[in-house]
Amino acid sequence: MARATYVRTAAKAVIIREDALLAVKFQAPDGIYYTLPGGGQLPGETLAETMVRECLEEIGVRVQPHDILFVREYISDNHEFAEPERCYHQVDFCFRVTILPGEKPGLGSEPDTRQVGIAWLPLAGLAAERFYPRALKPLLQGLAQGTPAVYLGDIN
């Protein structure tokens, strides 16, 4: 049984334009990696409101959330490379999101720690990128073929 004492909910944005995925770019001591834009839900905030706020903070654009594509859990005690002193359980709701007309993505007003920018990652080459969570890579690539919404369980 995991040691997490609470569950954190988060909204993540899946933004695809011209067969490329908009990702947040991070600089870690061992190199560059990418994730979906988004973050933790605040008390009293709907998931859609969380998505709008987080996209402004991280990628500097106003967005329109649509349907939920994936629900992903992460229980840190169940995965390699987890920080033993930082046990947590997070549920990510990954939304299909569009950027509102006239908006240009870039570094937002409140970027995450180690965030250095954004990148458009071609879906065809996503498997070769250091993108997290890794298990989303084939599912994101499959969106062009109409991959249905999926509960993914506890994945890294």
N, C-alpha and C. Protein backbone atom coordinates (compact mmCIF):
# COMPACT_ATOMS: atom_id res chain seq x y z
N MET A 1 0.84 -1.18 0.00
CA MET A 1 0.00 0.00 0.00
C MET A 1 0.88 1.25 0.00
N ALA A 2 0.53 2.21 -0.79
CA ALA A 2 1.30 3.44 -0.92
C ALA A 2 1.15 4.32 0.32
N ARG A 3 2.14 5.21 0.52
CA ARG A 3 2.16 6.08 1.70
C ARG A 3 1.51 7.44 1.46
N ALA A 4 1.05 7.74 0.27
CA ALA A 4 0.47 9.05 -0.02
C ALA A 4 -0.66 9.34 0.96
N THR A 5 -0.73 10.58 1.44
CA THR A 5 -1.75 10.94 2.42
C THR A 5 -2.92 11.71 1.82
N TYR A 6 -2.83 12.08 0.56
CA TYR A 6 -3.93 12.75 -0.12
C TYR A 6 -3.78 12.53 -1.63
N VAL A 7 -4.83 12.84 -2.36
CA VAL A 7 -4.81 12.72 -3.82
C VAL A 7 -4.86 14.12 -4.40
N ARG A 8 -3.93 14.42 -5.30
CA ARG A 8 -3.88 15.72 -5.98
C ARG A 8 -4.49 15.53 -7.37
N THR A 9 -5.42 16.38 -7.74
CA THR A 9 -5.98 16.33 -9.09
C THR A 9 -5.34 17.42 -9.94
N ALA A 10 -5.16 17.11 -11.22
CA ALA A 10 -4.53 18.06 -12.13
C ALA A 10 -5.18 17.98 -13.50
N ALA A 11 -5.10 19.08 -14.24
CA ALA A 11 -5.60 19.14 -15.61
C ALA A 11 -4.40 19.32 -16.54
N LYS A 12 -4.34 18.53 -17.61
CA LYS A 12 -3.25 18.59 -18.58
C LYS A 12 -3.84 18.87 -19.96
N ALA A 13 -3.10 19.64 -20.76
CA ALA A 13 -3.58 20.07 -22.08
C ALA A 13 -2.93 19.25 -23.19
N VAL A 14 -3.76 18.67 -24.05
CA VAL A 14 -3.28 18.02 -25.27
C VAL A 14 -3.64 18.97 -26.41
N ILE A 15 -2.63 19.67 -26.90
CA ILE A 15 -2.81 20.66 -27.96
C ILE A 15 -2.05 20.17 -29.18
N ILE A 16 -2.79 19.84 -30.24
CA ILE A 16 -2.17 19.33 -31.47
C ILE A 16 -2.51 20.27 -32.61
N ARG A 17 -1.48 20.65 -33.33
CA ARG A 17 -1.65 21.53 -34.49
C ARG A 17 -0.70 21.03 -35.58
N GLU A 18 -1.25 20.79 -36.77
CA GLU A 18 -0.45 20.36 -37.92
C GLU A 18 0.44 19.17 -37.57
N ASP A 19 -0.15 18.15 -36.95
CA ASP A 19 0.53 16.91 -36.58
C ASP A 19 1.70 17.10 -35.63
N ALA A 20 1.63 18.15 -34.80
CA ALA A 20 2.65 18.37 -33.77
C ALA A 20 1.96 18.64 -32.43
N LEU A 21 2.58 18.19 -31.36
CA LEU A 21 2.07 18.33 -30.00
C LEU A 21 2.78 19.48 -29.31
N LEU A 22 2.02 20.38 -28.70
CA LEU A 22 2.62 21.46 -27.92
C LEU A 22 3.03 20.89 -26.56
N ALA A 23 4.31 21.01 -26.24
CA ALA A 23 4.85 20.49 -24.98
C ALA A 23 5.59 21.58 -24.23
N VAL A 24 5.62 21.44 -22.91
CA VAL A 24 6.42 22.32 -22.07
C VAL A 24 7.83 21.73 -22.02
N LYS A 25 8.82 22.59 -22.20
CA LYS A 25 10.23 22.18 -22.27
C LYS A 25 10.92 22.50 -20.94
N PHE A 26 11.60 21.51 -20.38
CA PHE A 26 12.29 21.65 -19.10
C PHE A 26 13.78 21.35 -19.27
N GLN A 27 14.59 22.01 -18.45
CA GLN A 27 16.03 21.74 -18.39
C GLN A 27 16.32 21.10 -17.05
N ALA A 28 16.73 19.83 -17.07
CA ALA A 28 17.14 19.11 -15.87
C ALA A 28 18.66 18.99 -15.89
N PRO A 29 19.28 18.62 -14.78
CA PRO A 29 20.73 18.45 -14.78
C PRO A 29 21.23 17.47 -15.83
N ASP A 30 20.42 16.48 -16.17
CA ASP A 30 20.83 15.47 -17.16
C ASP A 30 20.26 15.72 -18.55
N GLY A 31 19.72 16.90 -18.82
CA GLY A 31 19.26 17.22 -20.17
C GLY A 31 17.84 17.74 -20.24
N ILE A 32 17.39 17.92 -21.48
CA ILE A 32 16.06 18.46 -21.78
C ILE A 32 15.02 17.35 -21.70
N TYR A 33 13.84 17.68 -21.19
CA TYR A 33 12.70 16.77 -21.27
C TYR A 33 11.43 17.60 -21.47
N TYR A 34 10.34 16.90 -21.83
CA TYR A 34 9.08 17.56 -22.18
C TYR A 34 7.91 16.92 -21.43
N THR A 35 6.88 17.74 -21.17
CA THR A 35 5.63 17.25 -20.60
C THR A 35 4.46 18.02 -21.23
N LEU A 36 3.26 17.57 -20.92
CA LEU A 36 2.08 18.32 -21.32
C LEU A 36 1.95 19.56 -20.44
N PRO A 37 1.44 20.67 -20.98
CA PRO A 37 1.14 21.82 -20.13
C PRO A 37 0.01 21.46 -19.17
N GLY A 38 0.03 22.07 -17.99
CA GLY A 38 -1.04 21.86 -17.04
C GLY A 38 -0.52 21.75 -15.63
N GLY A 39 -1.45 21.61 -14.69
CA GLY A 39 -1.04 21.52 -13.30
C GLY A 39 -2.20 21.31 -12.36
N GLY A 40 -1.91 21.48 -11.08
CA GLY A 40 -2.83 21.14 -10.01
C GLY A 40 -4.06 22.01 -9.92
N GLN A 41 -5.15 21.33 -9.57
CA GLN A 41 -6.44 21.98 -9.38
C GLN A 41 -6.48 22.64 -8.01
N LEU A 42 -6.99 23.88 -7.95
CA LEU A 42 -7.15 24.59 -6.69
C LEU A 42 -8.55 24.35 -6.13
N PRO A 43 -8.72 24.41 -4.80
CA PRO A 43 -10.05 24.23 -4.22
C PRO A 43 -11.04 25.24 -4.80
N GLY A 44 -12.23 24.75 -5.15
CA GLY A 44 -13.28 25.60 -5.71
C GLY A 44 -13.15 25.85 -7.20
N GLU A 45 -12.14 25.29 -7.83
CA GLU A 45 -11.87 25.50 -9.25
C GLU A 45 -12.31 24.25 -10.02
N THR A 46 -13.03 24.42 -11.13
CA THR A 46 -13.36 23.27 -11.97
C THR A 46 -12.10 22.85 -12.72
N LEU A 47 -12.11 21.64 -13.25
CA LEU A 47 -10.97 21.19 -14.06
C LEU A 47 -10.78 22.07 -15.28
N ALA A 48 -11.88 22.52 -15.89
CA ALA A 48 -11.77 23.41 -17.06
C ALA A 48 -11.11 24.73 -16.66
N GLU A 49 -11.48 25.26 -15.50
CA GLU A 49 -10.85 26.50 -15.01
C GLU A 49 -9.37 26.28 -14.71
N THR A 50 -9.05 25.12 -14.15
CA THR A 50 -7.65 24.78 -13.91
C THR A 50 -6.87 24.80 -15.21
N MET A 51 -7.45 24.19 -16.25
CA MET A 51 -6.77 24.12 -17.55
C MET A 51 -6.49 25.51 -18.10
N VAL A 52 -7.48 26.38 -18.05
CA VAL A 52 -7.32 27.75 -18.57
C VAL A 52 -6.23 28.48 -17.80
N ARG A 53 -6.26 28.41 -16.46
CA ARG A 53 -5.25 29.09 -15.63
C ARG A 53 -3.85 28.54 -15.88
N GLU A 54 -3.72 27.23 -15.89
CA GLU A 54 -2.40 26.62 -16.06
C GLU A 54 -1.80 26.93 -17.43
N CYS A 55 -2.62 26.96 -18.47
CA CYS A 55 -2.09 27.28 -19.80
C CYS A 55 -1.60 28.73 -19.85
N LEU A 56 -2.31 29.64 -19.21
CA LEU A 56 -1.82 31.03 -19.14
C LEU A 56 -0.49 31.09 -18.40
N GLU A 57 -0.39 30.38 -17.27
CA GLU A 57 0.82 30.42 -16.46
C GLU A 57 2.01 29.79 -17.16
N GLU A 58 1.81 28.65 -17.84
CA GLU A 58 2.94 27.89 -18.39
C GLU A 58 3.26 28.20 -19.84
N ILE A 59 2.23 28.43 -20.67
CA ILE A 59 2.49 28.63 -22.10
C ILE A 59 1.97 29.96 -22.62
N GLY A 60 1.45 30.80 -21.71
CA GLY A 60 1.10 32.17 -22.03
C GLY A 60 -0.03 32.39 -23.01
N VAL A 61 -0.98 31.45 -23.08
CA VAL A 61 -2.09 31.61 -24.02
C VAL A 61 -3.43 31.29 -23.36
N ARG A 62 -4.48 31.90 -23.90
CA ARG A 62 -5.85 31.57 -23.52
C ARG A 62 -6.27 30.37 -24.35
N VAL A 63 -6.97 29.45 -23.71
CA VAL A 63 -7.35 28.21 -24.38
C VAL A 63 -8.81 27.88 -24.14
N GLN A 64 -9.30 26.93 -24.95
CA GLN A 64 -10.65 26.38 -24.78
C GLN A 64 -10.50 24.88 -24.54
N PRO A 65 -10.80 24.39 -23.31
CA PRO A 65 -10.78 22.95 -23.07
C PRO A 65 -12.00 22.29 -23.72
N HIS A 66 -11.82 21.08 -24.20
CA HIS A 66 -12.90 20.31 -24.82
C HIS A 66 -13.08 19.01 -24.03
N ASP A 67 -13.09 17.89 -24.69
CA ASP A 67 -13.34 16.61 -24.03
C ASP A 67 -12.09 16.07 -23.34
N ILE A 68 -12.33 15.16 -22.39
CA ILE A 68 -11.23 14.47 -21.72
C ILE A 68 -10.80 13.31 -22.60
N LEU A 69 -9.50 13.25 -22.90
CA LEU A 69 -8.94 12.19 -23.72
C LEU A 69 -8.43 11.02 -22.88
N PHE A 70 -7.75 11.35 -21.79
CA PHE A 70 -7.13 10.33 -20.95
C PHE A 70 -7.26 10.73 -19.48
N VAL A 71 -7.35 9.71 -18.62
CA VAL A 71 -7.22 9.91 -17.18
C VAL A 71 -6.07 9.03 -16.74
N ARG A 72 -5.08 9.67 -16.12
CA ARG A 72 -3.85 8.96 -15.74
C ARG A 72 -3.60 9.15 -14.25
N GLU A 73 -3.26 8.07 -13.56
CA GLU A 73 -2.87 8.18 -12.16
C GLU A 73 -1.37 7.98 -12.04
N TYR A 74 -0.80 8.59 -11.02
CA TYR A 74 0.61 8.38 -10.70
C TYR A 74 0.73 8.28 -9.18
N ILE A 75 1.14 7.11 -8.72
CA ILE A 75 1.39 6.88 -7.30
C ILE A 75 2.89 6.67 -7.18
N SER A 76 3.57 7.65 -6.62
CA SER A 76 5.03 7.67 -6.68
C SER A 76 5.69 6.42 -6.11
N ASP A 77 5.15 5.84 -5.06
CA ASP A 77 5.77 4.65 -4.47
C ASP A 77 5.80 3.46 -5.43
N ASN A 78 5.01 3.48 -6.47
CA ASN A 78 4.92 2.35 -7.39
C ASN A 78 5.87 2.44 -8.58
N HIS A 79 6.71 3.48 -8.63
CA HIS A 79 7.52 3.70 -9.84
C HIS A 79 8.99 3.93 -9.52
N GLU A 80 9.83 3.49 -10.47
CA GLU A 80 11.26 3.72 -10.34
C GLU A 80 11.54 5.22 -10.41
N PHE A 81 12.65 5.62 -9.88
CA PHE A 81 13.13 7.01 -9.87
C PHE A 81 12.26 7.95 -9.05
N ALA A 82 11.26 7.43 -8.35
CA ALA A 82 10.45 8.30 -7.49
C ALA A 82 11.32 8.77 -6.32
N GLU A 83 11.05 9.95 -5.84
CA GLU A 83 11.78 10.50 -4.70
C GLU A 83 11.16 9.93 -3.43
N PRO A 84 11.91 9.10 -2.66
CA PRO A 84 11.32 8.41 -1.51
C PRO A 84 10.74 9.36 -0.46
N GLU A 85 11.32 10.55 -0.31
CA GLU A 85 10.84 11.49 0.70
C GLU A 85 9.63 12.28 0.22
N ARG A 86 9.26 12.12 -1.04
CA ARG A 86 8.16 12.90 -1.62
C ARG A 86 7.10 11.95 -2.18
N CYS A 87 6.41 11.26 -1.30
CA CYS A 87 5.38 10.32 -1.73
C CYS A 87 4.09 11.07 -2.07
N TYR A 88 3.58 10.83 -3.26
CA TYR A 88 2.32 11.49 -3.62
C TYR A 88 1.52 10.65 -4.61
N HIS A 89 0.25 10.98 -4.69
CA HIS A 89 -0.70 10.33 -5.60
C HIS A 89 -1.39 11.45 -6.37
N GLN A 90 -1.25 11.41 -7.69
CA GLN A 90 -1.83 12.45 -8.53
C GLN A 90 -2.71 11.81 -9.60
N VAL A 91 -3.84 12.44 -9.87
CA VAL A 91 -4.72 12.02 -10.96
C VAL A 91 -4.74 13.15 -11.99
N ASP A 92 -4.27 12.84 -13.20
CA ASP A 92 -4.24 13.81 -14.30
C ASP A 92 -5.43 13.58 -15.23
N PHE A 93 -6.16 14.65 -15.51
CA PHE A 93 -7.24 14.63 -16.49
C PHE A 93 -6.69 15.35 -17.72
N CYS A 94 -6.46 14.60 -18.79
CA CYS A 94 -5.83 15.14 -20.00
C CYS A 94 -6.92 15.52 -21.00
N PHE A 95 -7.06 16.81 -21.23
CA PHE A 95 -8.09 17.37 -22.10
C PHE A 95 -7.57 17.66 -23.50
N ARG A 96 -8.43 17.47 -24.48
CA ARG A 96 -8.17 18.04 -25.81
C ARG A 96 -8.44 19.53 -25.68
N VAL A 97 -7.47 20.34 -26.10
CA VAL A 97 -7.53 21.78 -25.89
C VAL A 97 -7.18 22.49 -27.19
N THR A 98 -7.86 23.61 -27.46
CA THR A 98 -7.48 24.46 -28.59
C THR A 98 -7.06 25.82 -28.06
N ILE A 99 -6.10 26.41 -28.77
CA ILE A 99 -5.63 27.76 -28.45
C ILE A 99 -6.58 28.74 -29.11
N LEU A 100 -6.99 29.77 -28.38
CA LEU A 100 -7.92 30.76 -28.93
C LEU A 100 -7.26 31.56 -30.05
N PRO A 101 -8.05 32.01 -31.03
CA PRO A 101 -7.51 32.77 -32.16
C PRO A 101 -6.68 33.98 -31.70
N GLY A 102 -5.58 34.20 -32.40
CA GLY A 102 -4.71 35.33 -32.12
C GLY A 102 -3.69 35.10 -31.02
N GLU A 103 -3.78 33.99 -30.31
CA GLU A 103 -2.84 33.69 -29.22
C GLU A 103 -1.60 33.00 -29.78
N LYS A 104 -0.43 33.34 -29.24
CA LYS A 104 0.85 32.75 -29.66
C LYS A 104 1.53 32.13 -28.44
N PRO A 105 1.68 30.80 -28.42
CA PRO A 105 2.29 30.17 -27.25
C PRO A 105 3.77 30.53 -27.09
N GLY A 106 4.18 30.58 -25.84
CA GLY A 106 5.57 30.85 -25.46
C GLY A 106 5.70 30.61 -23.97
N LEU A 107 6.75 31.12 -23.38
CA LEU A 107 6.93 30.98 -21.94
C LEU A 107 5.88 31.83 -21.23
N GLY A 108 5.12 31.22 -20.34
CA GLY A 108 4.03 31.91 -19.66
C GLY A 108 4.50 32.82 -18.54
N SER A 109 3.54 33.43 -17.85
CA SER A 109 3.83 34.40 -16.79
C SER A 109 4.33 33.76 -15.51
N GLU A 110 3.99 32.49 -15.27
CA GLU A 110 4.42 31.78 -14.06
C GLU A 110 4.90 30.38 -14.44
N PRO A 111 6.04 30.29 -15.14
CA PRO A 111 6.51 28.97 -15.56
C PRO A 111 6.89 28.10 -14.36
N ASP A 112 6.84 26.79 -14.58
CA ASP A 112 7.24 25.84 -13.54
C ASP A 112 8.75 25.91 -13.32
N THR A 113 9.18 25.38 -12.18
CA THR A 113 10.61 25.27 -11.89
C THR A 113 11.28 24.46 -13.01
N ARG A 114 12.39 24.93 -13.50
CA ARG A 114 13.17 24.31 -14.58
C ARG A 114 12.55 24.46 -15.96
N GLN A 115 11.36 25.06 -16.06
CA GLN A 115 10.76 25.26 -17.38
C GLN A 115 11.55 26.33 -18.13
N VAL A 116 11.94 26.01 -19.37
CA VAL A 116 12.74 26.94 -20.17
C VAL A 116 12.04 27.38 -21.45
N GLY A 117 10.86 26.83 -21.72
CA GLY A 117 10.14 27.23 -22.92
C GLY A 117 9.08 26.22 -23.30
N ILE A 118 8.73 26.27 -24.57
CA ILE A 118 7.76 25.33 -25.14
C ILE A 118 8.35 24.78 -26.42
N ALA A 119 7.77 23.71 -26.92
CA ALA A 119 8.22 23.13 -28.19
C ALA A 119 7.04 22.45 -28.86
N TRP A 120 7.03 22.52 -30.19
CA TRP A 120 6.08 21.75 -30.98
C TRP A 120 6.80 20.47 -31.39
N LEU A 121 6.36 19.33 -30.84
CA LEU A 121 6.99 18.04 -31.12
C LEU A 121 6.20 17.30 -32.18
N PRO A 122 6.81 16.98 -33.33
CA PRO A 122 6.08 16.22 -34.34
C PRO A 122 5.61 14.88 -33.76
N LEU A 123 4.34 14.57 -33.94
CA LEU A 123 3.80 13.31 -33.41
C LEU A 123 4.53 12.10 -33.98
N ALA A 124 4.92 12.18 -35.23
CA ALA A 124 5.60 11.04 -35.87
C ALA A 124 6.93 10.72 -35.19
N GLY A 125 7.56 11.70 -34.56
CA GLY A 125 8.85 11.48 -33.91
C GLY A 125 8.78 11.47 -32.39
N LEU A 126 7.58 11.44 -31.83
CA LEU A 126 7.42 11.54 -30.38
C LEU A 126 8.10 10.39 -29.63
N ALA A 127 8.13 9.21 -30.22
CA ALA A 127 8.75 8.05 -29.55
C ALA A 127 10.21 8.29 -29.23
N ALA A 128 10.90 9.11 -30.02
CA ALA A 128 12.32 9.36 -29.81
C ALA A 128 12.59 10.48 -28.80
N GLU A 129 11.55 11.20 -28.39
CA GLU A 129 11.73 12.34 -27.48
C GLU A 129 11.70 11.89 -26.02
N ARG A 130 12.35 12.64 -25.17
CA ARG A 130 12.29 12.42 -23.72
C ARG A 130 11.04 13.15 -23.22
N PHE A 131 9.92 12.48 -23.35
CA PHE A 131 8.61 13.02 -23.03
C PHE A 131 7.99 12.20 -21.91
N TYR A 132 7.41 12.88 -20.93
CA TYR A 132 6.78 12.20 -19.79
C TYR A 132 5.33 12.64 -19.65
N PRO A 133 4.45 11.71 -19.24
CA PRO A 133 4.73 10.31 -18.99
C PRO A 133 4.95 9.53 -20.29
N ARG A 134 5.93 8.65 -20.24
CA ARG A 134 6.31 7.88 -21.43
C ARG A 134 5.14 7.09 -22.01
N ALA A 135 4.30 6.55 -21.14
CA ALA A 135 3.19 5.71 -21.60
C ALA A 135 2.18 6.46 -22.46
N LEU A 136 2.20 7.79 -22.42
CA LEU A 136 1.28 8.56 -23.27
C LEU A 136 1.74 8.65 -24.72
N LYS A 137 3.03 8.43 -24.97
CA LYS A 137 3.56 8.62 -26.33
C LYS A 137 2.75 7.89 -27.41
N PRO A 138 2.55 6.57 -27.30
CA PRO A 138 1.79 5.89 -28.37
C PRO A 138 0.33 6.33 -28.43
N LEU A 139 -0.24 6.67 -27.28
CA LEU A 139 -1.63 7.12 -27.27
C LEU A 139 -1.77 8.48 -27.96
N LEU A 140 -0.83 9.37 -27.71
CA LEU A 140 -0.86 10.68 -28.37
C LEU A 140 -0.66 10.53 -29.87
N GLN A 141 0.25 9.63 -30.26
CA GLN A 141 0.46 9.39 -31.69
C GLN A 141 -0.79 8.78 -32.32
N GLY A 142 -1.56 8.02 -31.56
CA GLY A 142 -2.76 7.37 -32.07
C GLY A 142 -3.97 8.27 -32.17
N LEU A 143 -3.88 9.49 -31.66
CA LEU A 143 -5.04 10.39 -31.72
C LEU A 143 -5.47 10.67 -33.15
N ALA A 144 -4.53 10.71 -34.07
CA ALA A 144 -4.88 10.95 -35.48
C ALA A 144 -5.75 9.82 -36.03
N GLN A 145 -5.63 8.62 -35.46
CA GLN A 145 -6.45 7.50 -35.90
C GLN A 145 -7.73 7.37 -35.08
N GLY A 146 -8.00 8.34 -34.21
CA GLY A 146 -9.25 8.34 -33.45
C GLY A 146 -9.22 7.50 -32.20
N THR A 147 -8.07 7.43 -31.51
CA THR A 147 -7.98 6.69 -30.26
C THR A 147 -9.04 7.20 -29.28
N PRO A 148 -9.86 6.31 -28.73
CA PRO A 148 -10.91 6.76 -27.81
C PRO A 148 -10.34 7.17 -26.45
N ALA A 149 -11.17 7.84 -25.66
CA ALA A 149 -10.79 8.20 -24.30
C ALA A 149 -10.47 6.93 -23.51
N VAL A 150 -9.47 7.01 -22.65
CA VAL A 150 -8.98 5.83 -21.97
C VAL A 150 -8.65 6.16 -20.52
N TYR A 151 -9.06 5.27 -19.60
CA TYR A 151 -8.55 5.34 -18.23
C TYR A 151 -7.27 4.53 -18.23
N LEU A 152 -6.16 5.17 -17.90
CA LEU A 152 -4.85 4.54 -18.05
C LEU A 152 -4.34 3.87 -16.79
N GLY A 153 -4.92 4.14 -15.64
CA GLY A 153 -4.42 3.56 -14.40
C GLY A 153 -3.15 4.25 -13.93
N ASP A 154 -2.37 3.55 -13.11
CA ASP A 154 -1.16 4.09 -12.47
C ASP A 154 0.02 3.88 -13.40
N ILE A 155 0.38 4.91 -14.16
CA ILE A 155 1.47 4.80 -15.13
C ILE A 155 2.49 5.90 -14.92
N ASN A 156 3.70 5.65 -15.45
CA ASN A 156 4.79 6.63 -15.39
C ASN A 156 5.18 7.04 -16.78
